[in-house]
């Protein structure tokens, strides 16, 4: 089991690497390819999230019927090819198309991989397993900015590439990592037989399969869906908008902003990884609902106060604390999902949760940059924080947590 969990974690890490590796310089790379507004930068971020959002549920349902490993391998193959194409883009519109294709590949990897972790682990050990999975998989997002910024710096300053070509180099590294992950999954992961997971065609339709869930937990599922939407909003908007924010607020050059935000995002990401490893063990011992409520509320408060920072050091400190709090939340949130999901529709339900997360992720950068451009530079942070707090209040009011013996069985 552990070998499969580790291989799946690494494959998901590669998917997140493709998202995180360009975080420090996407706004600047996009401007060099012809963007002229913050909205266009937001569209580049959201193109990935749009296709991932609306294909996550179908991909998860398809994994219930055809097998999770097959979809994961196909997604990693697409990821490898599109990473190469990123490095050859000649316009921001072309980059937009590749970002959308990258989202397709992500939908084929992430929901089936998460569902397969649930298949492979019993309820009493899911918190720890998901903590490991989240920590490793999110390492792609965490170290991606540092890797991307380092490769870009090396290409420009050691290999003496031009500025634009130095921005292209990280994508080729991502392609190599994707190919390696594909081989690892192909030869390491063992998944249940398709026949054991097959479901009726009705479950492949885009409907919430509520009749498979205990009626007393259906309100819990609905509340968690909207918490996931707020997570998506908070996750997707913060990094591109914060990079844009510090460049303009502190009058930094492209290179200064790239170097500074690479360090900040990497440190914050590493802190989140270690927090998830610890939180995964806690989630198996304490109330998952309470962990979600407490740590998410604190994270949202730090989001609200982020723009009052007076310098990059304060930005880094607040971002690190915020990331640690989200790290303490994530294993409990995902483990509670998997405890509530019947195995035969686990892929479909995991995909639906990814869809809600993706809707928030899609809307986050677009709404964030529109509000940033037209209202105020601090308002997107306040908006995200209020959205998150409202969903947590709803969760506390309606959610019920199953006892270990009531959790979906292995």
Protein backbone atom coordinates (compact mmCIF):
# COMPACT_ATOMS: atom_id res chain seq x y z
CA UNK A 1 0.00 0.00 0.00
CA UNK A 2 2.70 2.48 0.97
CA UNK A 3 4.47 2.18 -2.41
CA UNK A 4 1.23 2.99 -4.24
CA UNK A 5 0.48 5.91 -1.91
CA UNK A 6 3.96 7.36 -2.49
CA UNK A 7 3.77 6.91 -6.27
CA UNK A 8 0.35 8.55 -6.41
CA UNK A 9 1.62 11.37 -4.21
CA UNK A 10 4.53 12.00 -6.56
CA UNK A 11 2.29 11.97 -9.64
CA UNK A 12 -0.02 14.53 -8.01
CA UNK A 13 3.05 16.56 -7.02
CA UNK A 14 4.05 16.77 -10.68
CA UNK A 15 0.57 18.07 -11.54
CA UNK A 16 0.92 20.77 -8.88
CA UNK A 17 4.46 21.48 -10.06
CA UNK A 18 3.04 22.47 -13.42
CA UNK A 19 0.85 24.99 -11.63
CA UNK A 20 3.37 26.21 -9.07
CA UNK A 21 6.49 26.42 -11.22
CA UNK A 22 5.25 29.51 -13.06
CA UNK A 23 3.67 31.30 -10.09
CA UNK A 24 6.55 33.75 -9.49
CA UNK A 25 6.77 34.89 -13.10
CA UNK A 26 3.43 34.17 -14.84
CA UNK A 27 2.37 37.85 -14.73
CA UNK A 28 5.73 38.91 -16.21
CA UNK A 29 5.97 36.08 -18.76
CA UNK A 30 2.42 36.90 -19.85
CA UNK A 31 3.26 40.59 -20.25
CA UNK A 32 6.26 39.67 -22.40
CA UNK A 33 3.90 37.60 -24.58
CA UNK A 34 1.53 40.53 -25.02
CA UNK A 35 -0.93 40.86 -22.14
CA UNK A 36 -1.90 44.44 -21.32
CA UNK A 37 -4.13 44.15 -18.23
CA UNK A 38 -4.48 42.32 -14.95
CA UNK A 39 -7.66 40.67 -16.25
CA UNK A 40 -5.72 38.95 -19.06
CA UNK A 41 -3.23 37.64 -16.49
CA UNK A 42 -6.15 36.37 -14.43
CA UNK A 43 -7.55 34.59 -17.48
CA UNK A 44 -4.27 32.73 -17.95
CA UNK A 45 -4.46 31.48 -14.38
CA UNK A 46 -8.13 30.58 -14.69
CA UNK A 47 -7.89 28.77 -18.05
CA UNK A 48 -6.16 25.87 -16.32
CA UNK A 49 -8.77 25.89 -13.57
CA UNK A 50 -11.76 26.16 -15.92
CA UNK A 51 -11.09 22.92 -17.79
CA UNK A 52 -10.01 21.13 -14.63
CA UNK A 53 -13.16 22.28 -12.87
CA UNK A 54 -15.68 21.02 -15.38
CA UNK A 55 -13.86 17.79 -16.19
CA UNK A 56 -13.05 16.75 -12.60
CA UNK A 57 -16.43 15.14 -11.92
CA UNK A 58 -16.64 13.27 -15.27
CA UNK A 59 -13.04 12.10 -14.84
CA UNK A 60 -13.75 10.90 -11.29
CA UNK A 61 -16.89 9.07 -12.41
CA UNK A 62 -15.03 7.52 -15.33
CA UNK A 63 -12.37 6.25 -12.93
CA UNK A 64 -15.13 4.44 -11.00
CA UNK A 65 -15.98 2.54 -14.17
CA UNK A 66 -12.73 2.13 -16.10
CA UNK A 67 -10.16 2.14 -13.31
CA UNK A 68 -8.28 5.00 -11.72
CA UNK A 69 -4.77 4.04 -12.88
CA UNK A 70 -5.65 4.25 -16.58
CA UNK A 71 -6.87 7.82 -16.32
CA UNK A 72 -3.88 8.86 -14.23
CA UNK A 73 -1.44 7.53 -16.84
CA UNK A 74 -3.28 9.24 -19.70
CA UNK A 75 -3.33 12.52 -17.80
CA UNK A 76 0.41 12.38 -17.09
CA UNK A 77 1.12 11.73 -20.77
CA UNK A 78 -0.87 14.83 -21.78
CA UNK A 79 0.89 16.81 -19.05
CA UNK A 80 4.28 15.85 -20.45
CA UNK A 81 3.44 17.00 -23.97
CA UNK A 82 1.78 20.26 -22.97
CA UNK A 83 4.71 21.21 -20.72
CA UNK A 84 6.95 21.19 -23.77
CA UNK A 85 4.42 23.30 -25.69
CA UNK A 86 4.44 25.90 -22.90
CA UNK A 87 8.09 26.55 -23.66
CA UNK A 88 7.37 27.18 -27.33
CA UNK A 89 4.46 29.63 -26.94
CA UNK A 90 4.77 32.77 -29.07
CA UNK A 91 1.76 34.72 -27.78
CA UNK A 92 -0.32 34.93 -24.64
CA UNK A 93 -3.33 33.57 -26.58
CA UNK A 94 -1.32 30.46 -27.45
CA UNK A 95 -0.32 30.15 -23.81
CA UNK A 96 -4.00 30.39 -22.89
CA UNK A 97 -4.78 27.32 -25.02
CA UNK A 98 -1.98 25.30 -23.44
CA UNK A 99 -3.13 26.29 -19.96
CA UNK A 100 -6.59 24.95 -20.81
CA UNK A 101 -5.15 21.63 -22.03
CA UNK A 102 -3.05 21.41 -18.88
CA UNK A 103 -6.28 21.64 -16.89
CA UNK A 104 -7.68 18.66 -18.81
CA UNK A 105 -4.64 16.61 -17.82
CA UNK A 106 -4.93 17.72 -14.20
CA UNK A 107 -8.57 16.57 -14.05
CA UNK A 108 -7.47 13.14 -15.27
CA UNK A 109 -4.86 12.81 -12.52
CA UNK A 110 -5.98 14.53 -9.33
CA UNK A 111 -9.52 13.20 -8.58
CA UNK A 112 -8.69 9.56 -9.49
CA UNK A 113 -5.47 9.69 -7.45
CA UNK A 114 -7.27 11.11 -4.39
CA UNK A 115 -10.06 8.53 -4.71
CA UNK A 116 -7.51 5.73 -5.06
CA UNK A 117 -5.89 6.80 -1.78
CA UNK A 118 -9.33 6.40 -0.20
CA UNK A 119 -9.68 2.95 -1.80
CA UNK A 120 -6.33 1.78 -0.48
CA UNK A 121 -6.64 2.97 3.15
CA UNK A 122 -9.14 2.04 5.91
CA UNK A 123 -11.11 4.82 7.68
CA UNK A 124 -8.98 4.82 10.84
CA UNK A 125 -5.78 5.46 8.87
CA UNK A 126 -7.02 7.86 6.19
CA UNK A 127 -6.04 11.01 8.01
CA UNK A 128 -2.40 9.94 8.19
CA UNK A 129 -2.35 8.58 4.63
CA UNK A 130 -3.97 11.72 3.24
CA UNK A 131 -1.60 13.88 5.29
CA UNK A 132 1.32 12.11 3.58
CA UNK A 133 -0.38 12.31 0.19
CA UNK A 134 -1.21 16.00 0.58
CA UNK A 135 2.24 16.88 1.88
CA UNK A 136 4.07 15.18 -0.99
CA UNK A 137 1.59 16.13 -3.69
CA UNK A 138 1.47 19.75 -2.58
CA UNK A 139 5.27 19.86 -2.59
CA UNK A 140 4.96 20.51 -6.32
CA UNK A 141 3.04 23.67 -5.56
CA UNK A 142 5.31 24.52 -2.61
CA UNK A 143 8.70 24.06 -4.25
CA UNK A 144 7.46 24.89 -7.73
CA UNK A 145 8.02 28.64 -7.34
CA UNK A 146 11.53 28.04 -6.00
CA UNK A 147 12.36 25.58 -8.77
CA UNK A 148 10.89 27.83 -11.44
CA UNK A 149 12.69 30.90 -10.15
CA UNK A 150 15.99 29.03 -9.77
CA UNK A 151 15.88 27.53 -13.27
CA UNK A 152 14.98 30.92 -14.71
CA UNK A 153 17.87 32.56 -12.82
CA UNK A 154 20.35 29.86 -13.91
CA UNK A 155 19.25 30.10 -17.54
CA UNK A 156 19.61 33.88 -17.57
CA UNK A 157 22.73 34.36 -15.45
CA UNK A 158 24.77 31.20 -16.05
CA UNK A 159 23.65 30.02 -19.47
CA UNK A 160 23.25 33.66 -20.60
CA UNK A 161 19.90 33.11 -22.25
CA UNK A 162 17.74 36.08 -23.10
CA UNK A 163 15.08 37.08 -20.58
CA UNK A 164 12.21 35.52 -22.54
CA UNK A 165 14.08 32.26 -23.16
CA UNK A 166 15.00 32.05 -19.47
CA UNK A 167 11.28 32.11 -18.65
CA UNK A 168 10.74 29.18 -21.01
CA UNK A 169 13.35 26.89 -19.43
CA UNK A 170 11.30 25.79 -16.37
CA UNK A 171 8.63 24.29 -18.59
CA UNK A 172 11.09 21.82 -20.11
CA UNK A 173 12.11 20.71 -16.63
CA UNK A 174 8.45 20.16 -15.82
CA UNK A 175 8.09 17.95 -18.91
CA UNK A 176 10.95 15.73 -17.73
CA UNK A 177 9.36 15.41 -14.28
CA UNK A 178 5.99 14.49 -15.83
CA UNK A 179 7.54 11.74 -17.93
CA UNK A 180 9.32 10.32 -14.88
CA UNK A 181 6.07 10.34 -12.86
CA UNK A 182 4.26 8.51 -15.65
CA UNK A 183 6.80 5.68 -15.55
CA UNK A 184 6.68 5.54 -11.75
CA UNK A 185 2.90 5.14 -11.67
CA UNK A 186 2.93 2.62 -14.51
CA UNK A 187 5.31 0.26 -12.72
CA UNK A 188 4.48 0.89 -9.04
CA UNK A 189 0.79 1.61 -8.43
CA UNK A 190 -1.54 -1.32 -7.83
CA UNK A 191 -5.24 -0.51 -7.94
CA UNK A 192 -8.44 -2.52 -7.32
CA UNK A 193 -9.93 -4.40 -10.23
CA UNK A 194 -12.36 -2.39 -12.38
CA UNK A 195 -15.11 -4.92 -11.77
CA UNK A 196 -14.97 -4.21 -8.04
CA UNK A 197 -15.64 -0.55 -8.61
CA UNK A 198 -18.05 -0.61 -11.56
CA UNK A 199 -21.25 1.35 -11.18
CA UNK A 200 -24.34 1.89 -13.26
CA UNK A 201 -24.40 4.36 -16.11
CA UNK A 202 -26.64 6.59 -14.01
CA UNK A 203 -23.69 7.32 -11.74
CA UNK A 204 -21.69 8.59 -14.70
CA UNK A 205 -24.14 11.44 -15.15
CA UNK A 206 -23.42 14.88 -13.73
CA UNK A 207 -25.66 14.51 -10.66
CA UNK A 208 -24.80 14.35 -6.99
CA UNK A 209 -25.21 10.64 -6.07
CA UNK A 210 -26.86 11.55 -2.76
CA UNK A 211 -28.86 8.35 -2.56
CA UNK A 212 -25.60 6.48 -1.89
CA UNK A 213 -24.87 8.69 1.15
CA UNK A 214 -26.50 8.32 4.55
CA UNK A 215 -29.29 10.91 4.67
CA UNK A 216 -28.13 12.38 7.97
CA UNK A 217 -24.80 13.39 6.38
CA UNK A 218 -26.13 15.01 3.20
CA UNK A 219 -26.18 18.52 4.68
CA UNK A 220 -22.60 17.93 5.79
CA UNK A 221 -21.63 17.12 2.20
CA UNK A 222 -23.33 20.29 0.90
CA UNK A 223 -21.65 22.50 3.50
CA UNK A 224 -18.26 20.94 2.72
CA UNK A 225 -18.76 21.57 -0.99
CA UNK A 226 -19.06 25.31 -0.35
CA UNK A 227 -16.11 25.27 2.04
CA UNK A 228 -14.17 23.70 -0.84
CA UNK A 229 -15.32 26.48 -3.15
CA UNK A 230 -13.95 29.07 -0.72
CA UNK A 231 -10.68 27.10 -0.47
CA UNK A 232 -10.37 27.20 -4.25
CA UNK A 233 -10.98 30.95 -4.34
CA UNK A 234 -8.39 31.58 -1.60
CA UNK A 235 -5.79 29.24 -3.09
CA UNK A 236 -5.93 30.40 -6.70
CA UNK A 237 -6.15 34.14 -6.27
CA UNK A 238 -3.50 34.71 -3.61
CA UNK A 239 -0.26 33.94 -5.43
CA UNK A 240 -0.71 35.62 -8.83
CA UNK A 241 -2.43 38.60 -7.25
CA UNK A 242 0.08 38.87 -4.42
CA UNK A 243 2.94 38.80 -6.95
CA UNK A 244 1.17 41.55 -8.90
CA UNK A 245 0.45 43.45 -5.66
CA UNK A 246 4.06 43.56 -4.41
CA UNK A 247 5.45 44.56 -7.81
CA UNK A 248 3.19 47.60 -7.97
CA UNK A 249 2.98 48.52 -4.28
CA UNK A 250 6.74 48.31 -3.71
CA UNK A 251 7.84 49.46 -7.20
CA UNK A 252 9.88 46.32 -7.96
CA UNK A 253 11.35 45.27 -11.29
CA UNK A 254 10.29 41.98 -12.90
CA UNK A 255 13.46 40.24 -11.71
CA UNK A 256 13.25 41.67 -8.18
CA UNK A 257 9.62 40.63 -7.83
CA UNK A 258 10.31 37.15 -9.26
CA UNK A 259 13.23 36.51 -6.91
CA UNK A 260 11.42 37.82 -3.83
CA UNK A 261 8.13 36.00 -4.43
CA UNK A 262 9.94 32.75 -5.31
CA UNK A 263 11.49 32.76 -1.83
CA UNK A 264 8.28 33.76 -0.05
CA UNK A 265 6.09 31.20 -1.82
CA UNK A 266 8.65 28.43 -1.37
CA UNK A 267 9.10 29.04 2.36
CA UNK A 268 5.34 29.27 2.88
CA UNK A 269 4.82 26.10 0.88
CA UNK A 270 7.40 24.10 2.80
CA UNK A 271 5.81 25.20 6.07
CA UNK A 272 2.45 23.99 4.75
CA UNK A 273 3.91 20.59 3.88
CA UNK A 274 5.22 19.95 7.38
CA UNK A 275 1.98 21.21 8.88
CA UNK A 276 0.03 18.66 6.82
CA UNK A 277 2.19 15.77 7.98
CA UNK A 278 1.46 16.68 11.61
CA UNK A 279 -2.20 17.51 10.97
CA UNK A 280 -2.81 14.16 9.25
CA UNK A 281 -2.04 12.30 12.49
CA UNK A 282 -4.22 14.71 14.47
CA UNK A 283 -7.12 14.16 12.07
CA UNK A 284 -7.19 10.45 13.02
CA UNK A 285 -7.39 11.33 16.72
CA UNK A 286 -9.56 14.44 17.00
CA UNK A 287 -12.71 15.90 15.46
CA UNK A 288 -12.09 16.67 11.79
CA UNK A 289 -14.98 19.14 11.73
CA UNK A 290 -13.48 21.19 14.57
CA UNK A 291 -10.03 21.17 12.97
CA UNK A 292 -11.53 22.47 9.72
CA UNK A 293 -13.47 25.22 11.48
CA UNK A 294 -10.69 26.49 13.76
CA UNK A 295 -7.75 26.51 11.36
CA UNK A 296 -9.68 27.75 8.33
CA UNK A 297 -11.12 30.68 10.28
CA UNK A 298 -7.66 31.73 11.43
CA UNK A 299 -6.28 31.41 7.88
CA UNK A 300 -9.04 33.66 6.55
CA UNK A 301 -8.23 36.34 9.13
CA UNK A 302 -4.62 36.39 7.94
CA UNK A 303 -5.86 36.70 4.34
CA UNK A 304 -7.88 39.79 5.29
CA UNK A 305 -4.95 41.58 6.95
CA UNK A 306 -2.36 40.62 4.28
CA UNK A 307 -2.47 43.96 2.36
CA UNK A 308 -1.63 46.05 5.43
CA UNK A 309 1.92 44.65 5.28
CA UNK A 310 4.48 47.42 4.93
CA UNK A 311 7.28 45.43 3.31
CA UNK A 312 8.25 42.08 1.81
CA UNK A 313 9.32 40.68 5.18
CA UNK A 314 5.86 41.20 6.63
CA UNK A 315 4.31 39.71 3.49
CA UNK A 316 6.50 36.64 3.94
CA UNK A 317 5.61 36.22 7.62
CA UNK A 318 1.86 36.54 7.02
CA UNK A 319 1.96 34.24 4.02
CA UNK A 320 3.86 31.61 6.02
CA UNK A 321 1.40 31.68 8.92
CA UNK A 322 -1.55 31.54 6.53
CA UNK A 323 -0.04 28.55 4.75
CA UNK A 324 0.60 26.72 8.04
CA UNK A 325 -3.04 27.19 9.03
CA UNK A 326 -4.29 25.86 5.71
CA UNK A 327 -1.87 22.95 6.10
CA UNK A 328 -3.48 22.10 9.44
CA UNK A 329 -6.89 22.11 7.75
CA UNK A 330 -6.32 20.12 4.56
CA UNK A 331 -5.90 16.50 5.81
CA UNK A 332 -8.97 16.76 8.05
CA UNK A 333 -11.05 18.17 5.18
CA UNK A 334 -10.05 15.48 2.67
CA UNK A 335 -10.20 12.61 5.20
CA UNK A 336 -13.72 13.62 6.25
CA UNK A 337 -14.77 13.54 2.60
CA UNK A 338 -13.40 10.04 2.09
CA UNK A 339 -15.01 8.81 5.34
CA UNK A 340 -18.39 9.90 3.98
CA UNK A 341 -17.97 8.58 0.41
CA UNK A 342 -19.15 5.05 -0.50
CA UNK A 343 -16.39 3.30 -2.43
CA UNK A 344 -18.43 2.54 -5.55
CA UNK A 345 -19.03 6.27 -6.18
CA UNK A 346 -15.90 7.61 -4.48
CA UNK A 347 -14.36 8.77 -7.75
CA UNK A 348 -17.51 10.61 -8.82
CA UNK A 349 -17.91 12.34 -5.47
CA UNK A 350 -14.22 13.22 -5.27
CA UNK A 351 -14.53 14.72 -8.75
CA UNK A 352 -17.58 16.75 -7.72
CA UNK A 353 -15.66 18.16 -4.76
CA UNK A 354 -12.81 19.01 -7.13
CA UNK A 355 -15.36 20.76 -9.35
CA UNK A 356 -16.50 23.02 -6.52
CA UNK A 357 -12.89 23.69 -5.56
CA UNK A 358 -12.21 24.43 -9.21
CA UNK A 359 -15.14 26.84 -9.50
CA UNK A 360 -13.66 28.83 -6.65
CA UNK A 361 -10.21 28.56 -8.21
CA UNK A 362 -11.52 29.74 -11.57
CA UNK A 363 -13.38 32.70 -10.11
CA UNK A 364 -10.65 33.69 -7.65
CA UNK A 365 -8.06 35.18 -10.03
CA UNK A 366 -10.65 36.75 -12.36
CA UNK A 367 -12.71 38.38 -9.61
CA UNK A 368 -9.56 39.21 -7.66
CA UNK A 369 -7.93 41.10 -10.54
CA UNK A 370 -11.18 42.83 -11.55
CA UNK A 371 -11.67 44.07 -7.99
CA UNK A 372 -7.97 44.96 -7.77
CA UNK A 373 -8.14 47.02 -10.97
CA UNK A 374 -11.50 48.70 -10.34
CA UNK A 375 -12.16 48.89 -6.59
CA UNK A 376 -9.02 48.81 -4.46
CA UNK A 377 -5.82 46.81 -4.09
CA UNK A 378 -6.85 45.45 -0.68
CA UNK A 379 -10.46 44.52 -1.44
CA UNK A 380 -9.73 41.08 -3.04
CA UNK A 381 -8.12 39.93 0.22
CA UNK A 382 -11.10 41.11 2.26
CA UNK A 383 -13.55 39.48 -0.17
CA UNK A 384 -11.78 36.11 0.01
CA UNK A 385 -11.64 36.18 3.80
CA UNK A 386 -15.33 36.99 4.23
CA UNK A 387 -16.34 34.25 1.77
CA UNK A 388 -14.30 31.70 3.71
CA UNK A 389 -15.66 32.73 7.10
CA UNK A 390 -19.28 32.52 5.89
CA UNK A 391 -18.81 28.96 4.61
CA UNK A 392 -17.19 27.90 7.89
CA UNK A 393 -20.13 29.30 9.85
CA UNK A 394 -22.47 27.21 7.68
CA UNK A 395 -20.31 24.11 8.24
CA UNK A 396 -20.36 24.54 12.02
CA UNK A 397 -24.16 24.93 12.03
CA UNK A 398 -25.15 21.94 9.86
CA UNK A 399 -22.25 19.47 9.70
CA UNK A 400 -22.19 16.10 11.47
CA UNK A 401 -19.12 13.90 11.71
CA UNK A 402 -19.45 10.10 11.47
CA UNK A 403 -18.05 7.87 14.17
CA UNK A 404 -15.19 5.59 13.08
CA UNK A 405 -17.50 2.57 12.81
CA UNK A 406 -19.90 4.56 10.60
CA UNK A 407 -17.26 5.69 8.13
CA UNK A 408 -17.30 4.22 4.63
CA UNK A 409 -15.68 0.83 4.88
CA UNK A 410 -12.44 -0.25 3.19
